[in-house]
Amino acid sequence: MGLYSAAGGSWQGKQYPQHYAEWIQTWATVPSKSYATELKPKFTAAKLNANEWATLAKNAGMQYVVLTSRHHEGFSLFNSKQPFSVSNTITGGTNISPKGRDLYGDIVQAFHKKGLKVGAYYSLLDWQHPDSYEGKQFNSELKDHIPDRKVYKEYLYQQIKELATNYGKLDILWLDFSSKNRQGETWEPSVS
């Protein structure tokens, strides 16, 4: 679940024949600002009932759930306290839970109450952060910006720290994405 869910596989009336809707921003080549402006108001999760999900999962025999805490588009299902997440000039902020809610926290709490384990899927890619490896791809206003990878890595580490400490026990952490130039020592330890 992410901001991409509100697009439903289409952008401006065009349906994209993809087998994974979370890449709609790439398929439609949408700048981050336009993407956020269009989809944030549509992502309400008004009918999400975490307790019903947890009950269904338990009754189905599931033992755990892995939630998409943040996908490549850079929007977070959890309420991050990182300054770029709270407010930024590109998308206004990356937290997408409706006002007064923390969707990730709601789901984690409901699943833990049922005795189920909870994990976080977290993408190392970020299509909107100005210091990420792909920030300029979707943000033409950054053409003169020189990315500071240390700033981006610190942002990643702090968000992962929030996931690992703010929601009770994190049973699984699934970090997505690796490439030849972004593996191993590229993700050197955080200084803080």
N, C-alpha and C. Protein backbone atom coordinates (compact mmCIF):
# COMPACT_ATOMS: atom_id res chain seq x y z
N MET A 1 0.84 -1.16 0.00
CA MET A 1 0.00 0.00 0.00
C MET A 1 0.89 1.23 0.00
N GLY A 2 0.60 2.14 -0.88
CA GLY A 2 1.35 3.37 -0.97
C GLY A 2 0.56 4.39 -1.76
N LEU A 3 1.15 5.55 -1.99
CA LEU A 3 0.46 6.60 -2.73
C LEU A 3 0.05 6.11 -4.12
N TYR A 4 0.85 5.22 -4.70
CA TYR A 4 0.55 4.64 -6.01
C TYR A 4 -0.80 3.93 -6.04
N SER A 5 -1.27 3.47 -4.88
CA SER A 5 -2.56 2.78 -4.81
C SER A 5 -3.69 3.66 -5.32
N ALA A 6 -3.59 4.95 -5.08
CA ALA A 6 -4.63 5.88 -5.50
C ALA A 6 -4.70 6.05 -7.01
N ALA A 7 -3.62 5.71 -7.72
CA ALA A 7 -3.61 5.83 -9.18
C ALA A 7 -4.34 4.67 -9.84
N GLY A 8 -4.35 3.52 -9.20
CA GLY A 8 -5.05 2.36 -9.76
C GLY A 8 -4.51 1.91 -11.10
N GLY A 9 -3.24 2.14 -11.37
CA GLY A 9 -2.63 1.69 -12.62
C GLY A 9 -2.87 2.60 -13.81
N SER A 10 -3.46 3.78 -13.58
CA SER A 10 -3.66 4.70 -14.69
C SER A 10 -3.21 6.10 -14.32
N TRP A 11 -2.86 6.86 -15.34
CA TRP A 11 -2.46 8.25 -15.13
C TRP A 11 -3.08 9.11 -16.21
N GLN A 12 -3.81 10.13 -15.80
CA GLN A 12 -4.50 11.06 -16.69
C GLN A 12 -5.29 10.33 -17.77
N GLY A 13 -6.04 9.34 -17.35
CA GLY A 13 -6.93 8.60 -18.24
C GLY A 13 -6.29 7.49 -19.04
N LYS A 14 -4.98 7.37 -18.97
CA LYS A 14 -4.30 6.30 -19.71
C LYS A 14 -3.99 5.14 -18.76
N GLN A 15 -4.44 3.96 -19.13
CA GLN A 15 -4.18 2.76 -18.35
C GLN A 15 -2.82 2.20 -18.78
N TYR A 16 -1.98 1.89 -17.81
CA TYR A 16 -0.65 1.36 -18.12
C TYR A 16 -0.65 -0.15 -17.91
N PRO A 17 -0.32 -0.92 -18.97
CA PRO A 17 -0.35 -2.37 -18.89
C PRO A 17 0.86 -2.92 -18.15
N GLN A 18 0.87 -2.72 -16.86
CA GLN A 18 1.99 -3.18 -16.04
C GLN A 18 1.50 -4.25 -15.08
N HIS A 19 2.37 -5.03 -14.59
CA HIS A 19 1.95 -6.05 -13.63
C HIS A 19 2.25 -5.63 -12.19
N TYR A 20 2.70 -4.42 -11.98
CA TYR A 20 2.92 -3.93 -10.63
C TYR A 20 2.67 -2.42 -10.61
N ALA A 21 1.57 -2.04 -9.97
CA ALA A 21 1.08 -0.66 -9.99
C ALA A 21 1.99 0.32 -9.27
N GLU A 22 2.86 -0.17 -8.41
CA GLU A 22 3.70 0.76 -7.64
C GLU A 22 4.73 1.49 -8.51
N TRP A 23 4.86 1.11 -9.77
CA TRP A 23 5.78 1.78 -10.68
C TRP A 23 5.08 2.77 -11.60
N ILE A 24 3.84 3.14 -11.31
CA ILE A 24 3.08 4.03 -12.19
C ILE A 24 3.81 5.35 -12.44
N GLN A 25 4.50 5.87 -11.45
CA GLN A 25 5.21 7.14 -11.63
C GLN A 25 6.27 7.01 -12.72
N THR A 26 6.94 5.88 -12.76
CA THR A 26 7.96 5.64 -13.78
C THR A 26 7.32 5.41 -15.15
N TRP A 27 6.32 4.54 -15.19
CA TRP A 27 5.70 4.21 -16.48
C TRP A 27 5.12 5.46 -17.14
N ALA A 28 4.53 6.34 -16.33
CA ALA A 28 3.90 7.55 -16.89
C ALA A 28 4.84 8.75 -16.89
N THR A 29 6.08 8.57 -16.42
CA THR A 29 7.09 9.63 -16.29
C THR A 29 6.51 10.92 -15.70
N VAL A 30 6.03 10.79 -14.48
CA VAL A 30 5.38 11.90 -13.79
C VAL A 30 6.36 12.56 -12.81
N PRO A 31 6.54 13.86 -12.89
CA PRO A 31 7.39 14.56 -11.91
C PRO A 31 6.81 14.39 -10.50
N SER A 32 7.67 14.33 -9.51
CA SER A 32 7.24 14.09 -8.13
C SER A 32 6.20 15.09 -7.64
N LYS A 33 6.38 16.36 -7.98
CA LYS A 33 5.44 17.39 -7.53
C LYS A 33 4.04 17.13 -8.09
N SER A 34 3.94 16.85 -9.38
CA SER A 34 2.64 16.57 -10.01
C SER A 34 2.03 15.29 -9.45
N TYR A 35 2.86 14.30 -9.26
CA TYR A 35 2.43 13.01 -8.72
C TYR A 35 1.80 13.20 -7.35
N ALA A 36 2.48 13.94 -6.49
CA ALA A 36 1.97 14.19 -5.13
C ALA A 36 0.69 15.03 -5.17
N THR A 37 0.68 16.06 -5.98
CA THR A 37 -0.49 16.95 -6.07
C THR A 37 -1.73 16.17 -6.49
N GLU A 38 -1.56 15.26 -7.43
CA GLU A 38 -2.68 14.47 -7.96
C GLU A 38 -3.13 13.37 -6.99
N LEU A 39 -2.17 12.66 -6.39
CA LEU A 39 -2.54 11.46 -5.65
C LEU A 39 -2.73 11.63 -4.14
N LYS A 40 -2.06 12.58 -3.53
CA LYS A 40 -2.23 12.74 -2.08
C LYS A 40 -3.69 12.93 -1.67
N PRO A 41 -4.46 13.77 -2.35
CA PRO A 41 -5.87 13.93 -1.95
C PRO A 41 -6.71 12.67 -2.15
N LYS A 42 -6.29 11.80 -3.05
CA LYS A 42 -7.04 10.58 -3.34
C LYS A 42 -6.70 9.43 -2.39
N PHE A 43 -5.56 9.52 -1.74
CA PHE A 43 -5.13 8.44 -0.85
C PHE A 43 -5.70 8.71 0.55
N THR A 44 -6.90 8.19 0.80
CA THR A 44 -7.57 8.46 2.07
C THR A 44 -7.55 7.27 3.02
N ALA A 45 -7.49 6.08 2.48
CA ALA A 45 -7.55 4.85 3.28
C ALA A 45 -8.73 4.87 4.24
N ALA A 46 -9.81 5.53 3.82
CA ALA A 46 -10.99 5.72 4.67
C ALA A 46 -11.61 4.40 5.12
N LYS A 47 -11.54 3.38 4.30
CA LYS A 47 -12.17 2.10 4.64
C LYS A 47 -11.21 1.12 5.29
N LEU A 48 -9.97 1.53 5.51
CA LEU A 48 -9.00 0.63 6.11
C LEU A 48 -9.34 0.37 7.58
N ASN A 49 -9.57 -0.89 7.90
CA ASN A 49 -9.82 -1.30 9.27
C ASN A 49 -8.75 -2.33 9.62
N ALA A 50 -7.72 -1.88 10.31
CA ALA A 50 -6.57 -2.74 10.62
C ALA A 50 -6.97 -3.96 11.44
N ASN A 51 -7.93 -3.80 12.33
CA ASN A 51 -8.37 -4.94 13.15
C ASN A 51 -9.03 -6.02 12.30
N GLU A 52 -9.81 -5.61 11.31
CA GLU A 52 -10.43 -6.59 10.40
C GLU A 52 -9.35 -7.32 9.59
N TRP A 53 -8.36 -6.57 9.11
CA TRP A 53 -7.26 -7.21 8.39
C TRP A 53 -6.58 -8.25 9.25
N ALA A 54 -6.27 -7.88 10.50
CA ALA A 54 -5.56 -8.79 11.40
C ALA A 54 -6.40 -10.02 11.70
N THR A 55 -7.69 -9.84 11.90
CA THR A 55 -8.58 -10.97 12.16
C THR A 55 -8.62 -11.91 10.96
N LEU A 56 -8.78 -11.35 9.76
CA LEU A 56 -8.78 -12.17 8.54
C LEU A 56 -7.47 -12.94 8.40
N ALA A 57 -6.36 -12.25 8.65
CA ALA A 57 -5.05 -12.89 8.53
C ALA A 57 -4.91 -14.05 9.53
N LYS A 58 -5.30 -13.80 10.74
CA LYS A 58 -5.21 -14.84 11.79
C LYS A 58 -6.09 -16.02 11.43
N ASN A 59 -7.32 -15.75 11.01
CA ASN A 59 -8.25 -16.82 10.64
C ASN A 59 -7.79 -17.61 9.42
N ALA A 60 -7.02 -16.96 8.57
CA ALA A 60 -6.50 -17.63 7.37
C ALA A 60 -5.25 -18.45 7.67
N GLY A 61 -4.75 -18.36 8.90
CA GLY A 61 -3.57 -19.12 9.27
C GLY A 61 -2.25 -18.41 9.04
N MET A 62 -2.33 -17.13 8.70
CA MET A 62 -1.09 -16.38 8.49
C MET A 62 -0.34 -16.23 9.81
N GLN A 63 0.96 -16.12 9.71
CA GLN A 63 1.79 -15.94 10.89
C GLN A 63 2.45 -14.57 10.93
N TYR A 64 2.47 -13.88 9.80
CA TYR A 64 3.11 -12.56 9.75
C TYR A 64 2.58 -11.76 8.56
N VAL A 65 2.87 -10.47 8.59
CA VAL A 65 2.58 -9.57 7.48
C VAL A 65 3.82 -8.70 7.28
N VAL A 66 4.12 -8.40 6.02
CA VAL A 66 5.19 -7.45 5.70
C VAL A 66 4.53 -6.28 4.98
N LEU A 67 4.57 -5.11 5.60
CA LEU A 67 3.94 -3.90 5.06
C LEU A 67 4.92 -3.08 4.25
N THR A 68 4.43 -2.47 3.20
CA THR A 68 5.25 -1.53 2.44
C THR A 68 5.28 -0.24 3.23
N SER A 69 6.33 -0.05 3.99
CA SER A 69 6.45 1.16 4.80
C SER A 69 6.83 2.36 3.93
N ARG A 70 7.60 2.09 2.87
CA ARG A 70 7.98 3.13 1.92
C ARG A 70 8.45 2.45 0.64
N HIS A 71 7.88 2.85 -0.49
CA HIS A 71 8.30 2.27 -1.77
C HIS A 71 9.18 3.28 -2.50
N HIS A 72 9.57 2.96 -3.73
CA HIS A 72 10.51 3.76 -4.51
C HIS A 72 10.07 5.22 -4.68
N GLU A 73 8.77 5.46 -4.69
CA GLU A 73 8.28 6.83 -4.88
C GLU A 73 8.66 7.74 -3.72
N GLY A 74 9.06 7.15 -2.59
CA GLY A 74 9.56 7.93 -1.46
C GLY A 74 8.51 8.36 -0.45
N PHE A 75 7.26 7.94 -0.62
CA PHE A 75 6.21 8.30 0.33
C PHE A 75 6.09 7.23 1.39
N SER A 76 5.94 7.65 2.64
CA SER A 76 5.95 6.74 3.78
C SER A 76 4.56 6.48 4.34
N LEU A 77 4.25 5.21 4.58
CA LEU A 77 3.01 4.82 5.22
C LEU A 77 3.09 5.10 6.72
N PHE A 78 4.30 5.19 7.25
CA PHE A 78 4.49 5.53 8.66
C PHE A 78 4.74 7.03 8.78
N ASN A 79 4.48 7.58 9.93
CA ASN A 79 4.66 9.02 10.15
C ASN A 79 6.08 9.30 10.60
N SER A 80 6.94 9.53 9.64
CA SER A 80 8.33 9.83 9.92
C SER A 80 8.46 11.24 10.48
N LYS A 81 9.41 11.41 11.38
CA LYS A 81 9.68 12.72 11.97
C LYS A 81 10.85 13.42 11.28
N GLN A 82 11.41 12.80 10.25
CA GLN A 82 12.54 13.41 9.54
C GLN A 82 12.08 14.69 8.84
N PRO A 83 12.88 15.75 8.90
CA PRO A 83 12.45 17.03 8.33
C PRO A 83 11.96 16.94 6.88
N PHE A 84 12.63 16.19 6.02
CA PHE A 84 12.20 16.07 4.62
C PHE A 84 10.84 15.38 4.54
N SER A 85 10.55 14.47 5.48
CA SER A 85 9.28 13.76 5.49
C SER A 85 8.13 14.65 5.94
N VAL A 86 8.42 15.51 6.89
CA VAL A 86 7.39 16.38 7.45
C VAL A 86 7.04 17.50 6.48
N SER A 87 8.06 18.08 5.85
CA SER A 87 7.84 19.21 4.94
C SER A 87 9.02 19.32 3.98
N ASN A 88 8.71 19.48 2.70
CA ASN A 88 9.77 19.72 1.71
C ASN A 88 9.19 20.52 0.55
N THR A 89 10.06 21.12 -0.23
CA THR A 89 9.61 21.98 -1.33
C THR A 89 9.21 21.21 -2.58
N ILE A 90 9.50 19.92 -2.63
CA ILE A 90 9.17 19.14 -3.81
C ILE A 90 7.74 18.61 -3.75
N THR A 91 7.39 17.93 -2.68
CA THR A 91 6.06 17.31 -2.58
C THR A 91 5.28 17.76 -1.35
N GLY A 92 5.85 18.64 -0.57
CA GLY A 92 5.19 19.11 0.64
C GLY A 92 5.46 18.26 1.85
N GLY A 93 5.83 17.01 1.64
CA GLY A 93 6.12 16.06 2.71
C GLY A 93 5.89 14.65 2.20
N THR A 94 6.51 13.69 2.85
CA THR A 94 6.42 12.32 2.35
C THR A 94 5.50 11.43 3.15
N ASN A 95 4.99 11.90 4.28
CA ASN A 95 4.08 11.09 5.10
C ASN A 95 2.69 11.13 4.46
N ILE A 96 2.11 9.95 4.20
CA ILE A 96 0.82 9.92 3.50
C ILE A 96 -0.34 9.40 4.34
N SER A 97 -0.12 9.07 5.59
CA SER A 97 -1.25 8.67 6.42
C SER A 97 -2.20 9.85 6.56
N PRO A 98 -3.51 9.59 6.54
CA PRO A 98 -4.47 10.69 6.71
C PRO A 98 -4.24 11.41 8.04
N LYS A 99 -4.64 12.65 8.09
CA LYS A 99 -4.45 13.48 9.29
C LYS A 99 -5.00 12.76 10.52
N GLY A 100 -4.17 12.72 11.56
CA GLY A 100 -4.57 12.10 12.81
C GLY A 100 -4.38 10.59 12.87
N ARG A 101 -3.85 10.01 11.79
CA ARG A 101 -3.65 8.55 11.77
C ARG A 101 -2.20 8.24 11.41
N ASP A 102 -1.79 7.05 11.76
CA ASP A 102 -0.51 6.49 11.34
C ASP A 102 -0.86 5.09 10.85
N LEU A 103 -1.11 4.95 9.55
CA LEU A 103 -1.60 3.69 9.00
C LEU A 103 -0.68 2.52 9.33
N TYR A 104 0.61 2.75 9.20
CA TYR A 104 1.57 1.69 9.52
C TYR A 104 1.41 1.28 10.99
N GLY A 105 1.36 2.26 11.87
CA GLY A 105 1.20 1.99 13.30
C GLY A 105 -0.10 1.28 13.61
N ASP A 106 -1.19 1.67 12.96
CA ASP A 106 -2.49 1.02 13.17
C ASP A 106 -2.41 -0.47 12.82
N ILE A 107 -1.80 -0.76 11.68
CA ILE A 107 -1.72 -2.15 11.21
C ILE A 107 -0.78 -2.96 12.10
N VAL A 108 0.36 -2.39 12.46
CA VAL A 108 1.30 -3.09 13.33
C VAL A 108 0.62 -3.44 14.66
N GLN A 109 -0.04 -2.49 15.25
CA GLN A 109 -0.70 -2.70 16.54
C GLN A 109 -1.77 -3.79 16.45
N ALA A 110 -2.58 -3.76 15.40
CA ALA A 110 -3.64 -4.75 15.23
C ALA A 110 -3.08 -6.16 15.05
N PHE A 111 -2.03 -6.28 14.26
CA PHE A 111 -1.44 -7.61 14.02
C PHE A 111 -0.75 -8.13 15.28
N HIS A 112 -0.06 -7.25 15.99
CA HIS A 112 0.58 -7.68 17.24
C HIS A 112 -0.46 -8.14 18.26
N LYS A 113 -1.61 -7.48 18.33
CA LYS A 113 -2.68 -7.88 19.25
C LYS A 113 -3.16 -9.29 18.96
N LYS A 114 -3.10 -9.69 17.71
CA LYS A 114 -3.52 -11.04 17.31
C LYS A 114 -2.39 -12.06 17.42
N GLY A 115 -1.23 -11.61 17.91
CA GLY A 115 -0.10 -12.52 18.07
C GLY A 115 0.65 -12.79 16.79
N LEU A 116 0.45 -11.97 15.78
CA LEU A 116 1.12 -12.15 14.50
C LEU A 116 2.37 -11.28 14.43
N LYS A 117 3.34 -11.73 13.68
CA LYS A 117 4.57 -10.97 13.50
C LYS A 117 4.37 -9.91 12.41
N VAL A 118 5.17 -8.85 12.50
CA VAL A 118 5.04 -7.75 11.55
C VAL A 118 6.42 -7.37 11.02
N GLY A 119 6.47 -7.15 9.72
CA GLY A 119 7.70 -6.72 9.09
C GLY A 119 7.49 -5.48 8.27
N ALA A 120 8.59 -4.83 7.93
CA ALA A 120 8.56 -3.62 7.12
C ALA A 120 9.37 -3.82 5.85
N TYR A 121 8.72 -3.62 4.72
CA TYR A 121 9.41 -3.50 3.44
C TYR A 121 9.79 -2.03 3.34
N TYR A 122 11.03 -1.75 2.98
CA TYR A 122 11.51 -0.37 2.87
C TYR A 122 12.43 -0.28 1.66
N SER A 123 12.11 0.61 0.74
CA SER A 123 12.92 0.78 -0.47
C SER A 123 14.09 1.72 -0.22
N LEU A 124 15.25 1.34 -0.68
CA LEU A 124 16.42 2.20 -0.60
C LEU A 124 16.41 3.26 -1.71
N LEU A 125 15.59 3.05 -2.72
CA LEU A 125 15.42 4.04 -3.77
C LEU A 125 14.49 5.14 -3.27
N ASP A 126 14.62 6.31 -3.83
CA ASP A 126 13.71 7.41 -3.52
C ASP A 126 13.67 8.32 -4.72
N TRP A 127 12.54 8.35 -5.41
CA TRP A 127 12.41 9.10 -6.64
C TRP A 127 12.20 10.59 -6.41
N GLN A 128 12.12 11.03 -5.16
CA GLN A 128 11.89 12.46 -4.94
C GLN A 128 12.94 13.15 -4.10
N HIS A 129 13.65 12.44 -3.26
CA HIS A 129 14.62 13.09 -2.37
C HIS A 129 15.75 13.71 -3.22
N PRO A 130 16.05 14.98 -3.01
CA PRO A 130 17.05 15.66 -3.85
C PRO A 130 18.47 15.09 -3.74
N ASP A 131 18.77 14.35 -2.68
CA ASP A 131 20.11 13.80 -2.51
C ASP A 131 20.19 12.31 -2.80
N SER A 132 19.08 11.74 -3.27
CA SER A 132 19.09 10.32 -3.62
C SER A 132 19.76 10.11 -4.97
N TYR A 133 19.95 8.88 -5.33
CA TYR A 133 20.61 8.57 -6.60
C TYR A 133 19.74 8.90 -7.80
N GLU A 134 18.43 8.90 -7.61
CA GLU A 134 17.54 9.13 -8.74
C GLU A 134 16.66 10.37 -8.58
N GLY A 135 16.98 11.24 -7.63
CA GLY A 135 16.17 12.43 -7.36
C GLY A 135 15.96 13.34 -8.55
N LYS A 136 16.98 13.50 -9.39
CA LYS A 136 16.86 14.40 -10.55
C LYS A 136 15.97 13.82 -11.64
N GLN A 137 15.83 12.52 -11.65
CA GLN A 137 15.03 11.85 -12.68
C GLN A 137 13.59 12.37 -12.71
N PHE A 138 13.01 12.65 -11.54
CA PHE A 138 11.62 13.07 -11.45
C PHE A 138 11.46 14.51 -10.97
N ASN A 139 12.55 15.24 -10.86
CA ASN A 139 12.50 16.58 -10.32
C ASN A 139 13.37 17.53 -11.14
N SER A 140 12.81 18.06 -12.21
CA SER A 140 13.59 18.92 -13.10
C SER A 140 14.09 20.18 -12.40
N GLU A 141 13.41 20.61 -11.33
CA GLU A 141 13.85 21.80 -10.61
C GLU A 141 15.18 21.57 -9.87
N LEU A 142 15.64 20.33 -9.84
CA LEU A 142 16.90 20.00 -9.17
C LEU A 142 18.08 19.96 -10.15
N LYS A 143 17.91 20.46 -11.37
CA LYS A 143 18.96 20.29 -12.39
C LYS A 143 20.31 20.86 -11.96
N ASP A 144 20.33 21.91 -11.14
CA ASP A 144 21.60 22.49 -10.69
C ASP A 144 22.03 21.99 -9.31
N HIS A 145 21.23 21.14 -8.72
CA HIS A 145 21.53 20.62 -7.38
C HIS A 145 22.56 19.50 -7.47
N ILE A 146 23.57 19.57 -6.62
CA ILE A 146 24.57 18.50 -6.55
C ILE A 146 24.19 17.62 -5.36
N PRO A 147 23.76 16.38 -5.63
CA PRO A 147 23.31 15.50 -4.55
C PRO A 147 24.41 15.22 -3.53
N ASP A 148 24.02 15.25 -2.28
CA ASP A 148 24.92 14.92 -1.17
C ASP A 148 24.49 13.55 -0.65
N ARG A 149 25.18 12.52 -1.08
CA ARG A 149 24.80 11.14 -0.74
C ARG A 149 24.83 10.89 0.77
N LYS A 150 25.70 11.58 1.48
CA LYS A 150 25.75 11.40 2.94
C LYS A 150 24.45 11.89 3.58
N VAL A 151 23.91 12.97 3.07
CA VAL A 151 22.63 13.48 3.58
C VAL A 151 21.54 12.44 3.34
N TYR A 152 21.52 11.88 2.14
CA TYR A 152 20.51 10.88 1.80
C TYR A 152 20.66 9.62 2.65
N LYS A 153 21.88 9.14 2.80
CA LYS A 153 22.09 7.94 3.60
C LYS A 153 21.67 8.16 5.05
N GLU A 154 21.95 9.33 5.58
CA GLU A 154 21.53 9.64 6.95
C GLU A 154 20.01 9.64 7.06
N TYR A 155 19.35 10.17 6.05
CA TYR A 155 17.89 10.16 5.99
C TYR A 155 17.37 8.71 6.03
N LEU A 156 17.97 7.85 5.21
CA LEU A 156 17.57 6.44 5.21
C LEU A 156 17.76 5.80 6.57
N TYR A 157 18.94 5.99 7.14
CA TYR A 157 19.23 5.37 8.44
C TYR A 157 18.25 5.85 9.51
N GLN A 158 17.94 7.14 9.51
CA GLN A 158 17.03 7.67 10.52
C GLN A 158 15.60 7.14 10.32
N GLN A 159 15.17 7.00 9.08
CA GLN A 159 13.83 6.45 8.86
C GLN A 159 13.78 4.98 9.29
N ILE A 160 14.79 4.23 8.97
CA ILE A 160 14.82 2.82 9.37
C ILE A 160 14.87 2.71 10.89
N LYS A 161 15.61 3.59 11.52
CA LYS A 161 15.65 3.62 12.99
C LYS A 161 14.26 3.88 13.56
N GLU A 162 13.50 4.78 12.94
CA GLU A 162 12.13 5.04 13.39
C GLU A 162 11.28 3.77 13.28
N LEU A 163 11.39 3.07 12.16
CA LEU A 163 10.63 1.83 11.98
C LEU A 163 10.99 0.79 13.03
N ALA A 164 12.27 0.74 13.36
CA ALA A 164 12.76 -0.29 14.29
C ALA A 164 12.50 0.05 15.75
N THR A 165 12.22 1.30 16.06
CA THR A 165 12.07 1.67 17.47
C THR A 165 10.71 2.25 17.85
N ASN A 166 9.92 2.73 16.91
CA ASN A 166 8.68 3.44 17.26
C ASN A 166 7.42 2.60 17.26
N TYR A 167 7.51 1.33 16.88
CA TYR A 167 6.29 0.53 16.70
C TYR A 167 6.34 -0.82 17.40
N GLY A 168 7.09 -0.92 18.45
CA GLY A 168 7.25 -2.22 19.08
C GLY A 168 8.23 -3.07 18.30
N LYS A 169 8.17 -4.35 18.53
CA LYS A 169 9.13 -5.26 17.90
C LYS A 169 8.95 -5.31 16.38
N LEU A 170 10.06 -5.12 15.67
CA LEU A 170 10.09 -5.26 14.22
C LEU A 170 10.66 -6.65 13.94
N ASP A 171 9.80 -7.54 13.48
CA ASP A 171 10.21 -8.93 13.28
C ASP A 171 10.99 -9.16 12.00
N ILE A 172 10.68 -8.38 10.98
CA ILE A 172 11.32 -8.55 9.68
C ILE A 172 11.60 -7.16 9.11
N LEU A 173 12.79 -6.97 8.57
CA LEU A 173 13.10 -5.76 7.83
C LEU A 173 13.57 -6.19 6.45
N TRP A 174 12.82 -5.80 5.44
CA TRP A 174 13.12 -6.19 4.07
C TRP A 174 13.52 -4.93 3.30
N LEU A 175 14.82 -4.74 3.12
CA LEU A 175 15.35 -3.60 2.38
C LEU A 175 15.40 -3.98 0.91
N ASP A 176 14.75 -3.17 0.09
CA ASP A 176 14.67 -3.46 -1.33
C ASP A 176 15.62 -2.58 -2.12
N PHE A 177 16.22 -3.16 -3.07
CA PHE A 177 17.02 -2.59 -4.14
C PHE A 177 18.51 -2.65 -3.86
N SER A 178 19.16 -3.12 -4.88
CA SER A 178 20.61 -3.16 -4.90
C SER A 178 21.02 -3.16 -6.36
N SER A 179 22.12 -2.53 -6.65
CA SER A 179 22.68 -2.57 -7.98
C SER A 179 24.20 -2.55 -7.82
N LYS A 180 24.90 -2.73 -8.89
CA LYS A 180 26.35 -2.81 -8.81
C LYS A 180 26.96 -1.59 -8.11
N ASN A 181 26.44 -0.40 -8.40
CA ASN A 181 27.01 0.80 -7.78
C ASN A 181 26.30 1.21 -6.48
N ARG A 182 25.36 0.39 -6.03
CA ARG A 182 24.66 0.68 -4.76
C ARG A 182 24.50 -0.60 -3.94
N GLN A 183 25.62 -1.09 -3.47
CA GLN A 183 25.60 -2.25 -2.59
C GLN A 183 26.81 -2.21 -1.67
N GLY A 184 26.77 -3.03 -0.65
CA GLY A 184 27.89 -3.14 0.28
C GLY A 184 28.31 -1.82 0.88
N GLU A 185 29.55 -1.43 0.63
CA GLU A 185 30.12 -0.24 1.25
C GLU A 185 29.47 1.06 0.78
N THR A 186 28.71 1.01 -0.32
CA THR A 186 27.99 2.21 -0.75
C THR A 186 27.07 2.70 0.37
N TRP A 187 26.50 1.77 1.12
CA TRP A 187 25.59 2.08 2.23
C TRP A 187 26.35 2.05 3.55
N GLU A 188 27.49 2.71 3.59
CA GLU A 188 28.35 2.72 4.79
C GLU A 188 27.55 3.08 6.04
N PRO A 189 28.03 2.66 7.20
CA PRO A 189 27.31 2.91 8.45
C PRO A 189 27.06 4.39 8.69
N SER A 190 25.97 4.66 9.37
CA SER A 190 25.60 6.02 9.74
C SER A 190 26.56 6.56 10.80
N VAL A 191 26.74 7.86 10.79
CA VAL A 191 27.62 8.48 11.78
C VAL A 191 26.88 8.81 13.07
N SER A 192 25.56 8.77 13.04
CA SER A 192 24.82 9.10 14.27
C SER A 192 24.15 7.91 14.89
